[in-house]
Full PDB file with SEQRES, HELIX, SHEET, SSBOND, CRYST1, ORIGX, SCALE, CONECT and MASTER records, all heavy atoms in Angstrom:
SEQRES   1 A   37  TYR GLU LEU ALA SER ARG ASP GLU PHE ARG ALA THR LEU          
SEQRES   2 A   37  ALA ASP VAL GLU ALA LEU GLY ALA GLU ALA ILE ALA LEU          
SEQRES   3 A   37  PRO GLY ASP VAL THR VAL GLU ALA ASP VAL GLU                  
HELIX    1 AA1 ARG A    6  ALA A   18  1                                  13    
HELIX    2 AA2 GLU A   33  VAL A   36  1                                   4    
CRYST1    1.000    1.000    1.000  90.00  90.00  90.00 P 1           1          
ORIGX1      1.000000  0.000000  0.000000        0.00000                         
ORIGX2      0.000000  1.000000  0.000000        0.00000                         
ORIGX3      0.000000  0.000000  1.000000        0.00000                         
SCALE1      1.000000  0.000000  0.000000        0.00000                         
SCALE2      0.000000  1.000000  0.000000        0.00000                         
SCALE3      0.000000  0.000000  1.000000        0.00000                         
ATOM      1  N   TYR A   1    -114.223 -75.362 198.287  1.00  0.00           N  
ATOM      2  CA  TYR A   1    -113.000 -74.576 198.375  1.00  0.00           C  
ATOM      3  C   TYR A   1    -112.727 -74.240 199.839  1.00  0.00           C  
ATOM      4  O   TYR A   1    -113.615 -74.332 200.700  1.00  0.00           O  
ATOM      5  CB  TYR A   1    -113.133 -73.285 197.556  1.00  0.00           C  
ATOM      6  CG  TYR A   1    -114.340 -72.445 197.910  1.00  0.00           C  
ATOM      7  CD1 TYR A   1    -114.282 -71.460 198.892  1.00  0.00           C  
ATOM      8  CD2 TYR A   1    -115.559 -72.631 197.262  1.00  0.00           C  
ATOM      9  CE1 TYR A   1    -115.380 -70.708 199.223  1.00  0.00           C  
ATOM     10  CE2 TYR A   1    -116.667 -71.876 197.585  1.00  0.00           C  
ATOM     11  CZ  TYR A   1    -116.576 -70.911 198.562  1.00  0.00           C  
ATOM     12  OH  TYR A   1    -117.680 -70.174 198.893  1.00  0.00           O  
ATOM     13  N   GLU A   2    -111.503 -73.853 200.111  1.00  0.00           N  
ATOM     14  CA  GLU A   2    -111.125 -73.514 201.475  1.00  0.00           C  
ATOM     15  C   GLU A   2    -111.649 -72.132 201.840  1.00  0.00           C  
ATOM     16  O   GLU A   2    -111.536 -71.184 201.055  1.00  0.00           O  
ATOM     17  CB  GLU A   2    -109.600 -73.546 201.627  1.00  0.00           C  
ATOM     18  CG  GLU A   2    -109.001 -74.942 201.543  1.00  0.00           C  
ATOM     19  CD  GLU A   2    -107.523 -74.940 201.832  1.00  0.00           C  
ATOM     20  OE1 GLU A   2    -106.981 -73.856 202.144  1.00  0.00           O  
ATOM     21  OE2 GLU A   2    -106.909 -76.017 201.744  1.00  0.00           O  
ATOM     22  N   LEU A   3    -112.216 -72.042 203.023  1.00  0.00           N  
ATOM     23  CA  LEU A   3    -112.697 -70.756 203.505  1.00  0.00           C  
ATOM     24  C   LEU A   3    -111.528 -69.979 204.107  1.00  0.00           C  
ATOM     25  O   LEU A   3    -110.411 -70.469 204.188  1.00  0.00           O  
ATOM     26  CB  LEU A   3    -113.802 -70.972 204.523  1.00  0.00           C  
ATOM     27  CG  LEU A   3    -115.014 -71.745 203.987  1.00  0.00           C  
ATOM     28  CD1 LEU A   3    -116.013 -72.009 205.097  1.00  0.00           C  
ATOM     29  CD2 LEU A   3    -115.679 -71.001 202.842  1.00  0.00           C  
ATOM     30  N   ALA A   4    -111.802 -68.742 204.488  1.00  0.00           N  
ATOM     31  CA  ALA A   4    -110.742 -67.894 205.019  1.00  0.00           C  
ATOM     32  C   ALA A   4    -110.090 -68.539 206.238  1.00  0.00           C  
ATOM     33  O   ALA A   4    -110.766 -69.145 207.082  1.00  0.00           O  
ATOM     34  CB  ALA A   4    -111.308 -66.523 205.382  1.00  0.00           C  
ATOM     35  N   SER A   5    -108.801 -68.404 206.341  1.00  0.00           N  
ATOM     36  CA  SER A   5    -108.054 -69.000 207.442  1.00  0.00           C  
ATOM     37  C   SER A   5    -108.023 -68.058 208.640  1.00  0.00           C  
ATOM     38  O   SER A   5    -108.301 -66.857 208.532  1.00  0.00           O  
ATOM     39  CB  SER A   5    -106.621 -69.299 207.002  1.00  0.00           C  
ATOM     40  OG  SER A   5    -105.916 -68.096 206.772  1.00  0.00           O  
ATOM     41  N   ARG A   6    -107.637 -68.613 209.770  1.00  0.00           N  
ATOM     42  CA  ARG A   6    -107.472 -67.802 210.979  1.00  0.00           C  
ATOM     43  C   ARG A   6    -106.408 -66.731 210.755  1.00  0.00           C  
ATOM     44  O   ARG A   6    -106.550 -65.592 211.205  1.00  0.00           O  
ATOM     45  CB  ARG A   6    -107.102 -68.713 212.156  1.00  0.00           C  
ATOM     46  CG  ARG A   6    -106.923 -67.982 213.463  1.00  0.00           C  
ATOM     47  CD  ARG A   6    -106.775 -68.963 214.622  1.00  0.00           C  
ATOM     48  NE  ARG A   6    -108.033 -69.635 214.890  1.00  0.00           N  
ATOM     49  CZ  ARG A   6    -108.195 -70.964 214.902  1.00  0.00           C  
ATOM     50  NH1 ARG A   6    -107.172 -71.751 214.636  1.00  0.00           N  
ATOM     51  NH2 ARG A   6    -109.377 -71.493 215.177  1.00  0.00           N  
ATOM     52  N   ASP A   7    -105.344 -67.071 210.040  1.00  0.00           N  
ATOM     53  CA  ASP A   7    -104.283 -66.097 209.773  1.00  0.00           C  
ATOM     54  C   ASP A   7    -104.801 -64.937 208.926  1.00  0.00           C  
ATOM     55  O   ASP A   7    -104.448 -63.775 209.161  1.00  0.00           O  
ATOM     56  CB  ASP A   7    -103.104 -66.777 209.063  1.00  0.00           C  
ATOM     57  CG  ASP A   7    -102.312 -67.686 209.982  1.00  0.00           C  
ATOM     58  OD1 ASP A   7    -102.466 -67.564 211.219  1.00  0.00           O  
ATOM     59  OD2 ASP A   7    -101.549 -68.520 209.471  1.00  0.00           O  
ATOM     60  N   GLU A   8    -105.644 -65.232 207.927  1.00  0.00           N  
ATOM     61  CA  GLU A   8    -106.214 -64.165 207.101  1.00  0.00           C  
ATOM     62  C   GLU A   8    -107.103 -63.249 207.939  1.00  0.00           C  
ATOM     63  O   GLU A   8    -107.100 -62.019 207.766  1.00  0.00           O  
ATOM     64  CB  GLU A   8    -107.021 -64.766 205.950  1.00  0.00           C  
ATOM     65  CG  GLU A   8    -106.180 -65.400 204.862  1.00  0.00           C  
ATOM     66  CD  GLU A   8    -107.029 -66.076 203.805  1.00  0.00           C  
ATOM     67  OE1 GLU A   8    -107.778 -67.020 204.154  1.00  0.00           O  
ATOM     68  OE2 GLU A   8    -106.946 -65.651 202.630  1.00  0.00           O  
ATOM     69  N   PHE A   9    -107.866 -63.834 208.841  1.00  0.00           N  
ATOM     70  CA  PHE A   9    -108.746 -63.072 209.723  1.00  0.00           C  
ATOM     71  C   PHE A   9    -107.928 -62.109 210.578  1.00  0.00           C  
ATOM     72  O   PHE A   9    -108.222 -60.906 210.667  1.00  0.00           O  
ATOM     73  CB  PHE A   9    -109.526 -64.061 210.591  1.00  0.00           C  
ATOM     74  CG  PHE A   9    -110.718 -63.485 211.310  1.00  0.00           C  
ATOM     75  CD1 PHE A   9    -111.281 -62.272 210.963  1.00  0.00           C  
ATOM     76  CD2 PHE A   9    -111.295 -64.207 212.351  1.00  0.00           C  
ATOM     77  CE1 PHE A   9    -112.385 -61.764 211.636  1.00  0.00           C  
ATOM     78  CE2 PHE A   9    -112.407 -63.713 213.031  1.00  0.00           C  
ATOM     79  CZ  PHE A   9    -112.936 -62.491 212.675  1.00  0.00           C  
ATOM     80  N   ARG A  10    -106.863 -62.623 211.184  1.00  0.00           N  
ATOM     81  CA  ARG A  10    -106.015 -61.794 212.039  1.00  0.00           C  
ATOM     82  C   ARG A  10    -105.297 -60.721 211.220  1.00  0.00           C  
ATOM     83  O   ARG A  10    -105.117 -59.586 211.672  1.00  0.00           O  
ATOM     84  CB  ARG A  10    -104.986 -62.669 212.756  1.00  0.00           C  
ATOM     85  CG  ARG A  10    -105.598 -63.714 213.701  1.00  0.00           C  
ATOM     86  CD  ARG A  10    -106.298 -63.043 214.888  1.00  0.00           C  
ATOM     87  NE  ARG A  10    -106.851 -64.029 215.791  1.00  0.00           N  
ATOM     88  CZ  ARG A  10    -108.110 -64.447 215.767  1.00  0.00           C  
ATOM     89  NH1 ARG A  10    -108.949 -63.971 214.864  1.00  0.00           N  
ATOM     90  NH2 ARG A  10    -108.549 -65.346 216.633  1.00  0.00           N  
ATOM     91  N   ALA A  11    -104.883 -61.067 210.002  1.00  0.00           N  
ATOM     92  CA  ALA A  11    -104.193 -60.101 209.153  1.00  0.00           C  
ATOM     93  C   ALA A  11    -105.101 -58.949 208.768  1.00  0.00           C  
ATOM     94  O   ALA A  11    -104.677 -57.781 208.720  1.00  0.00           O  
ATOM     95  CB  ALA A  11    -103.652 -60.793 207.908  1.00  0.00           C  
ATOM     96  N   THR A  12    -106.374 -59.256 208.486  1.00  0.00           N  
ATOM     97  CA  THR A  12    -107.317 -58.187 208.148  1.00  0.00           C  
ATOM     98  C   THR A  12    -107.516 -57.259 209.332  1.00  0.00           C  
ATOM     99  O   THR A  12    -107.553 -56.030 209.172  1.00  0.00           O  
ATOM    100  CB  THR A  12    -108.660 -58.779 207.697  1.00  0.00           C  
ATOM    101  OG1 THR A  12    -108.456 -59.512 206.491  1.00  0.00           O  
ATOM    102  CG2 THR A  12    -109.692 -57.691 207.460  1.00  0.00           C  
ATOM    103  N   LEU A  13    -107.639 -57.811 210.528  1.00  0.00           N  
ATOM    104  CA  LEU A  13    -107.764 -56.972 211.719  1.00  0.00           C  
ATOM    105  C   LEU A  13    -106.556 -56.050 211.853  1.00  0.00           C  
ATOM    106  O   LEU A  13    -106.701 -54.846 212.100  1.00  0.00           O  
ATOM    107  CB  LEU A  13    -107.897 -57.842 212.971  1.00  0.00           C  
ATOM    108  CG  LEU A  13    -107.924 -57.070 214.299  1.00  0.00           C  
ATOM    109  CD1 LEU A  13    -109.149 -56.160 214.383  1.00  0.00           C  
ATOM    110  CD2 LEU A  13    -107.887 -58.042 215.484  1.00  0.00           C  
ATOM    111  N   ALA A  14    -105.365 -56.608 211.656  1.00  0.00           N  
ATOM    112  CA  ALA A  14    -104.148 -55.798 211.760  1.00  0.00           C  
ATOM    113  C   ALA A  14    -104.128 -54.693 210.707  1.00  0.00           C  
ATOM    114  O   ALA A  14    -103.719 -53.550 210.998  1.00  0.00           O  
ATOM    115  CB  ALA A  14    -102.916 -56.689 211.621  1.00  0.00           C  
ATOM    116  N   ASP A  15    -104.578 -54.999 209.501  1.00  0.00           N  
ATOM    117  CA  ASP A  15    -104.600 -53.995 208.431  1.00  0.00           C  
ATOM    118  C   ASP A  15    -105.609 -52.891 208.722  1.00  0.00           C  
ATOM    119  O   ASP A  15    -105.357 -51.714 208.415  1.00  0.00           O  
ATOM    120  CB  ASP A  15    -104.926 -54.654 207.094  1.00  0.00           C  
ATOM    121  CG  ASP A  15    -103.792 -55.530 206.576  1.00  0.00           C  
ATOM    122  OD1 ASP A  15    -102.650 -55.371 207.061  1.00  0.00           O  
ATOM    123  OD2 ASP A  15    -104.058 -56.373 205.701  1.00  0.00           O  
ATOM    124  N   VAL A  16    -106.754 -53.252 209.282  1.00  0.00           N  
ATOM    125  CA  VAL A  16    -107.751 -52.246 209.663  1.00  0.00           C  
ATOM    126  C   VAL A  16    -107.189 -51.337 210.752  1.00  0.00           C  
ATOM    127  O   VAL A  16    -107.300 -50.104 210.684  1.00  0.00           O  
ATOM    128  CB  VAL A  16    -109.054 -52.930 210.126  1.00  0.00           C  
ATOM    129  CG1 VAL A  16    -109.994 -51.916 210.786  1.00  0.00           C  
ATOM    130  CG2 VAL A  16    -109.751 -53.607 208.948  1.00  0.00           C  
ATOM    131  N   GLU A  17    -106.562 -51.930 211.751  1.00  0.00           N  
ATOM    132  CA  GLU A  17    -105.987 -51.145 212.846  1.00  0.00           C  
ATOM    133  C   GLU A  17    -104.843 -50.269 212.359  1.00  0.00           C  
ATOM    134  O   GLU A  17    -104.635 -49.155 212.864  1.00  0.00           O  
ATOM    135  CB  GLU A  17    -105.519 -52.081 213.955  1.00  0.00           C  
ATOM    136  CG  GLU A  17    -106.651 -52.771 214.691  1.00  0.00           C  
ATOM    137  CD  GLU A  17    -106.173 -53.752 215.735  1.00  0.00           C  
ATOM    138  OE1 GLU A  17    -105.098 -54.373 215.546  1.00  0.00           O  
ATOM    139  OE2 GLU A  17    -106.862 -53.907 216.764  1.00  0.00           O  
ATOM    140  N   ALA A  18    -104.095 -50.751 211.365  1.00  0.00           N  
ATOM    141  CA  ALA A  18    -102.976 -49.972 210.831  1.00  0.00           C  
ATOM    142  C   ALA A  18    -103.438 -48.678 210.176  1.00  0.00           C  
ATOM    143  O   ALA A  18    -102.650 -47.726 210.041  1.00  0.00           O  
ATOM    144  CB  ALA A  18    -102.187 -50.812 209.827  1.00  0.00           C  
ATOM    145  N   LEU A  19    -104.694 -48.629 209.785  1.00  0.00           N  
ATOM    146  CA  LEU A  19    -105.263 -47.412 209.203  1.00  0.00           C  
ATOM    147  C   LEU A  19    -105.734 -46.429 210.275  1.00  0.00           C  
ATOM    148  O   LEU A  19    -106.294 -45.373 209.959  1.00  0.00           O  
ATOM    149  CB  LEU A  19    -106.435 -47.768 208.280  1.00  0.00           C  
ATOM    150  CG  LEU A  19    -106.045 -48.519 207.002  1.00  0.00           C  
ATOM    151  CD1 LEU A  19    -107.290 -49.038 206.283  1.00  0.00           C  
ATOM    152  CD2 LEU A  19    -105.241 -47.621 206.075  1.00  0.00           C  
ATOM    153  N   GLY A  20    -105.543 -46.791 211.543  1.00  0.00           N  
ATOM    154  CA  GLY A  20    -105.900 -45.914 212.643  1.00  0.00           C  
ATOM    155  C   GLY A  20    -107.294 -46.113 213.193  1.00  0.00           C  
ATOM    156  O   GLY A  20    -107.739 -45.345 214.057  1.00  0.00           O  
ATOM    157  N   ALA A  21    -107.977 -47.135 212.723  1.00  0.00           N  
ATOM    158  CA  ALA A  21    -109.345 -47.368 213.170  1.00  0.00           C  
ATOM    159  C   ALA A  21    -109.382 -48.184 214.463  1.00  0.00           C  
ATOM    160  O   ALA A  21    -108.562 -49.087 214.651  1.00  0.00           O  
ATOM    161  CB  ALA A  21    -110.132 -48.100 212.093  1.00  0.00           C  
ATOM    162  N   GLU A  22    -110.325 -47.849 215.331  1.00  0.00           N  
ATOM    163  CA  GLU A  22    -110.646 -48.759 216.424  1.00  0.00           C  
ATOM    164  C   GLU A  22    -111.320 -49.974 215.811  1.00  0.00           C  
ATOM    165  O   GLU A  22    -112.231 -49.839 214.995  1.00  0.00           O  
ATOM    166  CB  GLU A  22    -111.595 -48.105 217.424  1.00  0.00           C  
ATOM    167  CG  GLU A  22    -110.996 -46.988 218.242  1.00  0.00           C  
ATOM    168  CD  GLU A  22    -111.973 -46.501 219.299  1.00  0.00           C  
ATOM    169  OE1 GLU A  22    -112.414 -47.350 220.115  1.00  0.00           O  
ATOM    170  OE2 GLU A  22    -112.310 -45.305 219.291  1.00  0.00           O  
ATOM    171  N   ALA A  23    -110.872 -51.164 216.194  1.00  0.00           N  
ATOM    172  CA  ALA A  23    -111.376 -52.360 215.522  1.00  0.00           C  
ATOM    173  C   ALA A  23    -111.427 -53.540 216.476  1.00  0.00           C  
ATOM    174  O   ALA A  23    -110.714 -53.583 217.484  1.00  0.00           O  
ATOM    175  CB  ALA A  23    -110.496 -52.705 214.314  1.00  0.00           C  
ATOM    176  N   ILE A  24    -112.275 -54.492 216.106  1.00  0.00           N  
ATOM    177  CA  ILE A  24    -112.404 -55.724 216.875  1.00  0.00           C  
ATOM    178  C   ILE A  24    -112.718 -56.855 215.907  1.00  0.00           C  
ATOM    179  O   ILE A  24    -113.457 -56.665 214.933  1.00  0.00           O  
ATOM    180  CB  ILE A  24    -113.518 -55.597 217.959  1.00  0.00           C  
ATOM    181  CG1 ILE A  24    -113.570 -56.832 218.849  1.00  0.00           C  
ATOM    182  CG2 ILE A  24    -114.869 -55.295 217.320  1.00  0.00           C  
ATOM    183  CD1 ILE A  24    -114.529 -56.673 220.034  1.00  0.00           C  
ATOM    184  N   ALA A  25    -112.134 -58.028 216.157  1.00  0.00           N  
ATOM    185  CA  ALA A  25    -112.411 -59.222 215.352  1.00  0.00           C  
ATOM    186  C   ALA A  25    -113.306 -60.148 216.155  1.00  0.00           C  
ATOM    187  O   ALA A  25    -112.986 -60.497 217.304  1.00  0.00           O  
ATOM    188  CB  ALA A  25    -111.114 -59.934 214.980  1.00  0.00           C  
ATOM    189  N   LEU A  26    -114.418 -60.567 215.557  1.00  0.00           N  
ATOM    190  CA  LEU A  26    -115.422 -61.348 216.263  1.00  0.00           C  
ATOM    191  C   LEU A  26    -115.732 -62.624 215.479  1.00  0.00           C  
ATOM    192  O   LEU A  26    -116.539 -62.603 214.545  1.00  0.00           O  
ATOM    193  CB  LEU A  26    -116.703 -60.531 216.451  1.00  0.00           C  
ATOM    194  CG  LEU A  26    -116.541 -59.247 217.270  1.00  0.00           C  
ATOM    195  CD1 LEU A  26    -117.799 -58.401 217.182  1.00  0.00           C  
ATOM    196  CD2 LEU A  26    -116.216 -59.576 218.722  1.00  0.00           C  
ATOM    197  N   PRO A  27    -115.105 -63.746 215.843  1.00  0.00           N  
ATOM    198  CA  PRO A  27    -115.430 -65.005 215.163  1.00  0.00           C  
ATOM    199  C   PRO A  27    -116.878 -65.392 215.413  1.00  0.00           C  
ATOM    200  O   PRO A  27    -117.429 -65.129 216.486  1.00  0.00           O  
ATOM    201  CB  PRO A  27    -114.467 -66.009 215.818  1.00  0.00           C  
ATOM    202  CG  PRO A  27    -113.416 -65.187 216.484  1.00  0.00           C  
ATOM    203  CD  PRO A  27    -114.078 -63.912 216.881  1.00  0.00           C  
ATOM    204  N   GLY A  28    -117.487 -66.011 214.416  1.00  0.00           N  
ATOM    205  CA  GLY A  28    -118.859 -66.469 214.581  1.00  0.00           C  
ATOM    206  C   GLY A  28    -119.456 -66.903 213.264  1.00  0.00           C  
ATOM    207  O   GLY A  28    -119.047 -66.440 212.200  1.00  0.00           O  
ATOM    208  N   ASP A  29    -120.422 -67.803 213.349  1.00  0.00           N  
ATOM    209  CA  ASP A  29    -121.096 -68.371 212.184  1.00  0.00           C  
ATOM    210  C   ASP A  29    -122.422 -67.656 211.992  1.00  0.00           C  
ATOM    211  O   ASP A  29    -123.309 -67.731 212.860  1.00  0.00           O  
ATOM    212  CB  ASP A  29    -121.317 -69.874 212.419  1.00  0.00           C  
ATOM    213  CG  ASP A  29    -121.884 -70.596 211.205  1.00  0.00           C  
ATOM    214  OD1 ASP A  29    -122.436 -69.929 210.305  1.00  0.00           O  
ATOM    215  OD2 ASP A  29    -121.783 -71.835 211.166  1.00  0.00           O  
ATOM    216  N   VAL A  30    -122.593 -66.968 210.870  1.00  0.00           N  
ATOM    217  CA  VAL A  30    -123.820 -66.185 210.657  1.00  0.00           C  
ATOM    218  C   VAL A  30    -125.049 -67.057 210.493  1.00  0.00           C  
ATOM    219  O   VAL A  30    -126.181 -66.556 210.533  1.00  0.00           O  
ATOM    220  CB  VAL A  30    -123.688 -65.244 209.442  1.00  0.00           C  
ATOM    221  CG1 VAL A  30    -122.591 -64.230 209.662  1.00  0.00           C  
ATOM    222  CG2 VAL A  30    -123.482 -66.021 208.147  1.00  0.00           C  
ATOM    223  N   THR A  31    -124.886 -68.366 210.323  1.00  0.00           N  
ATOM    224  CA  THR A  31    -126.036 -69.257 210.199  1.00  0.00           C  
ATOM    225  C   THR A  31    -126.517 -69.769 211.548  1.00  0.00           C  
ATOM    226  O   THR A  31    -127.511 -70.485 211.612  1.00  0.00           O  
ATOM    227  CB  THR A  31    -125.715 -70.457 209.290  1.00  0.00           C  
ATOM    228  OG1 THR A  31    -124.828 -71.361 209.971  1.00  0.00           O  
ATOM    229  CG2 THR A  31    -125.090 -70.022 207.985  1.00  0.00           C  
ATOM    230  N   VAL A  32    -125.825 -69.403 212.621  1.00  0.00           N  
ATOM    231  CA  VAL A  32    -126.170 -69.854 213.972  1.00  0.00           C  
ATOM    232  C   VAL A  32    -126.635 -68.642 214.784  1.00  0.00           C  
ATOM    233  O   VAL A  32    -125.849 -67.726 215.048  1.00  0.00           O  
ATOM    234  CB  VAL A  32    -124.964 -70.524 214.652  1.00  0.00           C  
ATOM    235  CG1 VAL A  32    -125.313 -70.933 216.085  1.00  0.00           C  
ATOM    236  CG2 VAL A  32    -124.491 -71.727 213.843  1.00  0.00           C  
ATOM    237  N   GLU A  33    -127.897 -68.631 215.174  1.00  0.00           N  
ATOM    238  CA  GLU A  33    -128.440 -67.430 215.799  1.00  0.00           C  
ATOM    239  C   GLU A  33    -127.717 -67.060 217.081  1.00  0.00           C  
ATOM    240  O   GLU A  33    -127.507 -65.871 217.358  1.00  0.00           O  
ATOM    241  CB  GLU A  33    -129.940 -67.574 216.064  1.00  0.00           C  
ATOM    242  CG  GLU A  33    -130.548 -66.296 216.611  1.00  0.00           C  
ATOM    243  CD  GLU A  33    -132.049 -66.198 216.408  1.00  0.00           C  
ATOM    244  OE1 GLU A  33    -132.701 -67.250 216.213  1.00  0.00           O  
ATOM    245  OE2 GLU A  33    -132.573 -65.065 216.446  1.00  0.00           O  
ATOM    246  N   ALA A  34    -127.322 -68.035 217.871  1.00  0.00           N  
ATOM    247  CA  ALA A  34    -126.603 -67.720 219.105  1.00  0.00           C  
ATOM    248  C   ALA A  34    -125.299 -66.989 218.817  1.00  0.00           C  
ATOM    249  O   ALA A  34    -124.909 -66.061 219.543  1.00  0.00           O  
ATOM    250  CB  ALA A  34    -126.339 -69.003 219.898  1.00  0.00           C  
ATOM    251  N   ASP A  35    -124.608 -67.395 217.760  1.00  0.00           N  
ATOM    252  CA  ASP A  35    -123.371 -66.709 217.367  1.00  0.00           C  
ATOM    253  C   ASP A  35    -123.666 -65.274 216.941  1.00  0.00           C  
ATOM    254  O   ASP A  35    -122.953 -64.334 217.316  1.00  0.00           O  
ATOM    255  CB  ASP A  35    -122.698 -67.440 216.201  1.00  0.00           C  
ATOM    256  CG  ASP A  35    -121.855 -68.623 216.637  1.00  0.00           C  
ATOM    257  OD1 ASP A  35    -122.013 -69.068 217.797  1.00  0.00           O  
ATOM    258  OD2 ASP A  35    -121.043 -69.109 215.827  1.00  0.00           O  
ATOM    259  N   VAL A  36    -124.703 -65.099 216.134  1.00  0.00           N  
ATOM    260  CA  VAL A  36    -125.053 -63.765 215.640  1.00  0.00           C  
ATOM    261  C   VAL A  36    -125.422 -62.843 216.798  1.00  0.00           C  
ATOM    262  O   VAL A  36    -124.960 -61.697 216.871  1.00  0.00           O  
ATOM    263  CB  VAL A  36    -126.205 -63.847 214.628  1.00  0.00           C  
ATOM    264  CG1 VAL A  36    -126.707 -62.450 214.264  1.00  0.00           C  
ATOM    265  CG2 VAL A  36    -125.766 -64.594 213.375  1.00  0.00           C  
ATOM    266  N   GLU A  37    -126.248 -63.339 217.700  1.00  0.00           N  
ATOM    267  CA  GLU A  37    -126.653 -62.529 218.853  1.00  0.00           C  
ATOM    268  C   GLU A  37    -125.437 -62.116 219.678  1.00  0.00           C  
ATOM    269  O   GLU A  37    -125.329 -60.970 220.132  1.00  0.00           O  
ATOM    270  CB  GLU A  37    -127.653 -63.305 219.705  1.00  0.00           C  
ATOM    271  CG  GLU A  37    -128.255 -62.490 220.832  1.00  0.00           C  
ATOM    272  CD  GLU A  37    -129.382 -63.213 221.536  1.00  0.00           C  
ATOM    273  OE1 GLU A  37    -129.522 -64.447 221.352  1.00  0.00           O  
ATOM    274  OE2 GLU A  37    -130.141 -62.548 222.272  1.00  0.00           O  
TER     275      GLU A  37                                                      
MASTER        0    0    0    2    0    0    0    6  274    1    0    3          
END                                                                             
């Protein structure tokens, strides 16, 4: 199946920020240690 799109990722960040939260979006693959670090 298709994984989450870049647009969905950006939309979630916008929705979190719309609630007044300080937020940051950090792309990365949790199976790659360098990305996780």
